[in-house]
Amino acid sequence: MEELNKQMVAQIDLMENAVYRVIDGQIKKVTTPGIGFGKQIITWQNGKPQHCEISFTEK
């Protein structure tokens, strides 16, 4: 059986600070934490990112 090689290309703005996740060929921008200090936790299951937890704190 012949294996097909597909190449998918996405353009992103490298001047923007952001985090992206790719799931099954679809790229999604992870929501940024609000104001102040924040963190993003990505939970993986079966080799794929499944959930994003976003939290932040204010000083």
PDB file of N, CA and C in Angstrom:
ATOM      1  N   MET A   1       0.849  -1.181   0.000  1.00  0.00           N
ATOM      2  CA  MET A   1       0.000   0.000   0.000  1.00  0.00           C
ATOM      3  C   MET A   1       0.890   1.239   0.000  1.00  0.00           C
ATOM      4  N   GLU A   2       0.562   2.151  -0.848  1.00  0.00           N
ATOM      5  CA  GLU A   2       1.358   3.374  -0.979  1.00  0.00           C
ATOM      6  C   GLU A   2       0.924   4.389   0.079  1.00  0.00           C
ATOM      7  N   GLU A   3       1.914   4.933   0.768  1.00  0.00           N
ATOM      8  CA  GLU A   3       1.631   5.936   1.796  1.00  0.00           C
ATOM      9  C   GLU A   3       1.622   7.319   1.166  1.00  0.00           C
ATOM     10  N   LEU A   4       0.571   8.055   1.415  1.00  0.00           N
ATOM     11  CA  LEU A   4       0.457   9.408   0.871  1.00  0.00           C
ATOM     12  C   LEU A   4       1.092  10.403   1.829  1.00  0.00           C
ATOM     13  N   ASN A   5       1.923  11.277   1.296  1.00  0.00           N
ATOM     14  CA  ASN A   5       2.545  12.327   2.100  1.00  0.00           C
ATOM     15  C   ASN A   5       1.779  13.617   1.873  1.00  0.00           C
ATOM     16  N   LYS A   6       1.124  14.106   2.913  1.00  0.00           N
ATOM     17  CA  LYS A   6       0.418  15.375   2.829  1.00  0.00           C
ATOM     18  C   LYS A   6       1.202  16.415   3.609  1.00  0.00           C
ATOM     19  N   GLN A   7       1.257  17.589   3.062  1.00  0.00           N
ATOM     20  CA  GLN A   7       1.900  18.683   3.764  1.00  0.00           C
ATOM     21  C   GLN A   7       0.877  19.797   3.910  1.00  0.00           C
ATOM     22  N   MET A   8       0.640  20.167   5.156  1.00  0.00           N
ATOM     23  CA  MET A   8      -0.276  21.269   5.426  1.00  0.00           C
ATOM     24  C   MET A   8       0.546  22.416   5.997  1.00  0.00           C
ATOM     25  N   VAL A   9       0.274  23.620   5.541  1.00  0.00           N
ATOM     26  CA  VAL A   9       1.032  24.789   5.954  1.00  0.00           C
ATOM     27  C   VAL A   9       0.069  25.817   6.541  1.00  0.00           C
ATOM     28  N   ALA A  10       0.482  26.398   7.655  1.00  0.00           N
ATOM     29  CA  ALA A  10      -0.303  27.470   8.279  1.00  0.00           C
ATOM     30  C   ALA A  10       0.597  28.678   8.454  1.00  0.00           C
ATOM     31  N   GLN A  11       0.027  29.857   8.306  1.00  0.00           N
ATOM     32  CA  GLN A  11       0.780  31.082   8.524  1.00  0.00           C
ATOM     33  C   GLN A  11       0.377  31.671   9.869  1.00  0.00           C
ATOM     34  N   ILE A  12       1.398  32.073  10.631  1.00  0.00           N
ATOM     35  CA  ILE A  12       1.152  32.740  11.906  1.00  0.00           C
ATOM     36  C   ILE A  12       2.000  34.009  11.947  1.00  0.00           C
ATOM     37  N   ASP A  13       1.558  34.961  12.724  1.00  0.00           N
ATOM     38  CA  ASP A  13       2.266  36.234  12.880  1.00  0.00           C
ATOM     39  C   ASP A  13       3.363  36.050  13.923  1.00  0.00           C
ATOM     40  N   LEU A  14       4.608  36.075  13.497  1.00  0.00           N
ATOM     41  CA  LEU A  14       5.731  35.875  14.413  1.00  0.00           C
ATOM     42  C   LEU A  14       6.014  37.098  15.277  1.00  0.00           C
ATOM     43  N   MET A  15       5.352  38.211  14.991  1.00  0.00           N
ATOM     44  CA  MET A  15       5.532  39.403  15.814  1.00  0.00           C
ATOM     45  C   MET A  15       4.568  39.400  17.003  1.00  0.00           C
ATOM     46  N   GLU A  16       3.633  38.457  17.030  1.00  0.00           N
ATOM     47  CA  GLU A  16       2.666  38.360  18.116  1.00  0.00           C
ATOM     48  C   GLU A  16       3.103  37.272  19.092  1.00  0.00           C
ATOM     49  N   ASN A  17       3.144  37.602  20.375  1.00  0.00           N
ATOM     50  CA  ASN A  17       3.449  36.603  21.394  1.00  0.00           C
ATOM     51  C   ASN A  17       2.212  35.739  21.588  1.00  0.00           C
ATOM     52  N   ALA A  18       2.336  34.437  21.323  1.00  0.00           N
ATOM     53  CA  ALA A  18       1.170  33.555  21.400  1.00  0.00           C
ATOM     54  C   ALA A  18       1.628  32.108  21.555  1.00  0.00           C
ATOM     55  N   VAL A  19       0.684  31.273  21.962  1.00  0.00           N
ATOM     56  CA  VAL A  19       0.889  29.831  22.057  1.00  0.00           C
ATOM     57  C   VAL A  19      -0.168  29.177  21.178  1.00  0.00           C
ATOM     58  N   TYR A  20       0.248  28.200  20.397  1.00  0.00           N
ATOM     59  CA  TYR A  20      -0.667  27.490  19.512  1.00  0.00           C
ATOM     60  C   TYR A  20      -0.617  26.005  19.820  1.00  0.00           C
ATOM     61  N   ARG A  21      -1.730  25.304  19.559  1.00  0.00           N
ATOM     62  CA  ARG A  21      -1.733  23.851  19.664  1.00  0.00           C
ATOM     63  C   ARG A  21      -2.295  23.300  18.363  1.00  0.00           C
ATOM     64  N   VAL A  22      -1.771  22.168  17.946  1.00  0.00           N
ATOM     65  CA  VAL A  22      -2.211  21.529  16.714  1.00  0.00           C
ATOM     66  C   VAL A  22      -2.812  20.184  17.072  1.00  0.00           C
ATOM     67  N   ILE A  23      -4.068  19.974  16.661  1.00  0.00           N
ATOM     68  CA  ILE A  23      -4.772  18.727  16.918  1.00  0.00           C
ATOM     69  C   ILE A  23      -5.345  18.236  15.595  1.00  0.00           C
ATOM     70  N   ASP A  24      -4.916  17.062  15.169  1.00  0.00           N
ATOM     71  CA  ASP A  24      -5.418  16.446  13.932  1.00  0.00           C
ATOM     72  C   ASP A  24      -5.379  17.407  12.743  1.00  0.00           C
ATOM     73  N   GLY A  25      -4.272  18.120  12.599  1.00  0.00           N
ATOM     74  CA  GLY A  25      -4.091  19.007  11.456  1.00  0.00           C
ATOM     75  C   GLY A  25      -4.753  20.365  11.585  1.00  0.00           C
ATOM     76  N   GLN A  26      -5.396  20.643  12.701  1.00  0.00           N
ATOM     77  CA  GLN A  26      -6.041  21.937  12.913  1.00  0.00           C
ATOM     78  C   GLN A  26      -5.244  22.728  13.945  1.00  0.00           C
ATOM     79  N   ILE A  27      -4.898  23.971  13.602  1.00  0.00           N
ATOM     80  CA  ILE A  27      -4.150  24.819  14.528  1.00  0.00           C
ATOM     81  C   ILE A  27      -5.129  25.720  15.273  1.00  0.00           C
ATOM     82  N   LYS A  28      -4.931  25.830  16.581  1.00  0.00           N
ATOM     83  CA  LYS A  28      -5.775  26.680  17.411  1.00  0.00           C
ATOM     84  C   LYS A  28      -4.890  27.524  18.315  1.00  0.00           C
ATOM     85  N   LYS A  29      -5.210  28.788  18.408  1.00  0.00           N
ATOM     86  CA  LYS A  29      -4.480  29.697  19.291  1.00  0.00           C
ATOM     87  C   LYS A  29      -5.021  29.513  20.709  1.00  0.00           C
ATOM     88  N   VAL A  30      -4.123  29.325  21.658  1.00  0.00           N
ATOM     89  CA  VAL A  30      -4.510  29.179  23.057  1.00  0.00           C
ATOM     90  C   VAL A  30      -4.801  30.566  23.611  1.00  0.00           C
ATOM     91  N   THR A  31      -5.917  30.690  24.302  1.00  0.00           N
ATOM     92  CA  THR A  31      -6.309  31.966  24.895  1.00  0.00           C
ATOM     93  C   THR A  31      -5.231  32.451  25.855  1.00  0.00           C
ATOM     94  N   THR A  32      -4.930  33.736  25.794  1.00  0.00           N
ATOM     95  CA  THR A  32      -3.915  34.288  26.694  1.00  0.00           C
ATOM     96  C   THR A  32      -4.531  34.550  28.063  1.00  0.00           C
ATOM     97  N   PRO A  33      -3.722  34.443  29.112  1.00  0.00           N
ATOM     98  CA  PRO A  33      -4.222  34.801  30.436  1.00  0.00           C
ATOM     99  C   PRO A  33      -4.622  36.276  30.440  1.00  0.00           C
ATOM    100  N   GLY A  34      -5.535  36.632  31.316  1.00  0.00           N
ATOM    101  CA  GLY A  34      -6.015  38.024  31.390  1.00  0.00           C
ATOM    102  C   GLY A  34      -4.899  38.988  31.712  1.00  0.00           C
ATOM    103  N   ILE A  35      -5.129  39.837  32.653  1.00  0.00           N
ATOM    104  CA  ILE A  35      -4.120  40.819  33.043  1.00  0.00           C
ATOM    105  C   ILE A  35      -3.259  40.250  34.168  1.00  0.00           C
ATOM    106  N   GLY A  36      -2.151  40.863  34.411  1.00  0.00           N
ATOM    107  CA  GLY A  36      -1.283  40.422  35.506  1.00  0.00           C
ATOM    108  C   GLY A  36      -0.396  39.253  35.105  1.00  0.00           C
ATOM    109  N   PHE A  37      -0.250  38.289  36.011  1.00  0.00           N
ATOM    110  CA  PHE A  37       0.598  37.133  35.797  1.00  0.00           C
ATOM    111  C   PHE A  37      -0.287  35.928  35.508  1.00  0.00           C
ATOM    112  N   GLY A  38       0.080  35.111  34.535  1.00  0.00           N
ATOM    113  CA  GLY A  38      -0.789  33.997  34.186  1.00  0.00           C
ATOM    114  C   GLY A  38      -0.022  32.760  33.787  1.00  0.00           C
ATOM    115  N   LYS A  39      -0.783  31.683  33.634  1.00  0.00           N
ATOM    116  CA  LYS A  39      -0.187  30.434  33.172  1.00  0.00           C
ATOM    117  C   LYS A  39      -1.210  29.666  32.347  1.00  0.00           C
ATOM    118  N   GLN A  40      -0.687  28.833  31.467  1.00  0.00           N
ATOM    119  CA  GLN A  40      -1.506  27.973  30.622  1.00  0.00           C
ATOM    120  C   GLN A  40      -1.041  26.539  30.852  1.00  0.00           C
ATOM    121  N   ILE A  41      -1.967  25.666  31.190  1.00  0.00           N
ATOM    122  CA  ILE A  41      -1.646  24.259  31.402  1.00  0.00           C
ATOM    123  C   ILE A  41      -2.384  23.464  30.338  1.00  0.00           C
ATOM    124  N   ILE A  42      -1.647  22.705  29.542  1.00  0.00           N
ATOM    125  CA  ILE A  42      -2.249  21.891  28.493  1.00  0.00           C
ATOM    126  C   ILE A  42      -2.194  20.439  28.924  1.00  0.00           C
ATOM    127  N   THR A  43      -3.352  19.783  28.940  1.00  0.00           N
ATOM    128  CA  THR A  43      -3.456  18.379  29.326  1.00  0.00           C
ATOM    129  C   THR A  43      -3.454  17.520  28.074  1.00  0.00           C
ATOM    130  N   TRP A  44      -2.595  16.505  28.073  1.00  0.00           N
ATOM    131  CA  TRP A  44      -2.451  15.607  26.931  1.00  0.00           C
ATOM    132  C   TRP A  44      -3.113  14.272  27.229  1.00  0.00           C
ATOM    133  N   GLN A  45      -3.705  13.657  26.197  1.00  0.00           N
ATOM    134  CA  GLN A  45      -4.281  12.323  26.321  1.00  0.00           C
ATOM    135  C   GLN A  45      -4.069  11.596  24.998  1.00  0.00           C
ATOM    136  N   ASN A  46      -3.512  10.403  25.065  1.00  0.00           N
ATOM    137  CA  ASN A  46      -3.230   9.592  23.878  1.00  0.00           C
ATOM    138  C   ASN A  46      -2.406  10.350  22.840  1.00  0.00           C
ATOM    139  N   GLY A  47      -1.435  11.114  23.302  1.00  0.00           N
ATOM    140  CA  GLY A  47      -0.533  11.825  22.397  1.00  0.00           C
ATOM    141  C   GLY A  47      -1.107  13.078  21.770  1.00  0.00           C
ATOM    142  N   LYS A  48      -2.281  13.541  22.239  1.00  0.00           N
ATOM    143  CA  LYS A  48      -2.890  14.742  21.674  1.00  0.00           C
ATOM    144  C   LYS A  48      -3.239  15.713  22.800  1.00  0.00           C
ATOM    145  N   PRO A  49      -3.055  17.030  22.553  1.00  0.00           N
ATOM    146  CA  PRO A  49      -3.482  18.001  23.560  1.00  0.00           C
ATOM    147  C   PRO A  49      -5.007  18.035  23.616  1.00  0.00           C
ATOM    148  N   GLN A  50      -5.572  17.853  24.800  1.00  0.00           N
ATOM    149  CA  GLN A  50      -7.025  17.748  24.938  1.00  0.00           C
ATOM    150  C   GLN A  50      -7.668  18.976  25.577  1.00  0.00           C
ATOM    151  N   HIS A  51      -7.085  19.486  26.650  1.00  0.00           N
ATOM    152  CA  HIS A  51      -7.697  20.592  27.385  1.00  0.00           C
ATOM    153  C   HIS A  51      -6.651  21.648  27.713  1.00  0.00           C
ATOM    154  N   CYS A  52      -7.090  22.881  27.781  1.00  0.00           N
ATOM    155  CA  CYS A  52      -6.230  23.989  28.214  1.00  0.00           C
ATOM    156  C   CYS A  52      -6.848  24.621  29.446  1.00  0.00           C
ATOM    157  N   GLU A  53      -6.023  24.804  30.463  1.00  0.00           N
ATOM    158  CA  GLU A  53      -6.459  25.497  31.676  1.00  0.00           C
ATOM    159  C   GLU A  53      -5.692  26.808  31.733  1.00  0.00           C
ATOM    160  N   ILE A  54      -6.411  27.914  31.793  1.00  0.00           N
ATOM    161  CA  ILE A  54      -5.792  29.224  31.804  1.00  0.00           C
ATOM    162  C   ILE A  54      -6.165  29.927  33.105  1.00  0.00           C
ATOM    163  N   SER A  55      -5.149  30.441  33.806  1.00  0.00           N
ATOM    164  CA  SER A  55      -5.410  31.163  35.044  1.00  0.00           C
ATOM    165  C   SER A  55      -4.471  32.366  35.139  1.00  0.00           C
ATOM    166  N   PHE A  56      -4.883  33.344  35.942  1.00  0.00           N
ATOM    167  CA  PHE A  56      -4.016  34.502  36.148  1.00  0.00           C
ATOM    168  C   PHE A  56      -4.242  35.085  37.525  1.00  0.00           C
ATOM    169  N   THR A  57      -3.266  35.863  37.969  1.00  0.00           N
ATOM    170  CA  THR A  57      -3.356  36.552  39.246  1.00  0.00           C
ATOM    171  C   THR A  57      -3.011  38.020  39.028  1.00  0.00           C
ATOM    172  N   GLU A  58      -3.552  38.876  39.864  1.00  0.00           N
ATOM    173  CA  GLU A  58      -3.237  40.302  39.810  1.00  0.00           C
ATOM    174  C   GLU A  58      -2.430  40.678  41.029  1.00  0.00           C
ATOM    175  N   LYS A  59      -1.508  41.583  40.863  1.00  0.00           N
ATOM    176  CA  LYS A  59      -0.724  42.094  41.985  1.00  0.00           C
ATOM    177  C   LYS A  59      -1.422  43.249  42.617  1.00  0.00           C
TER     178      LYS A  59
END
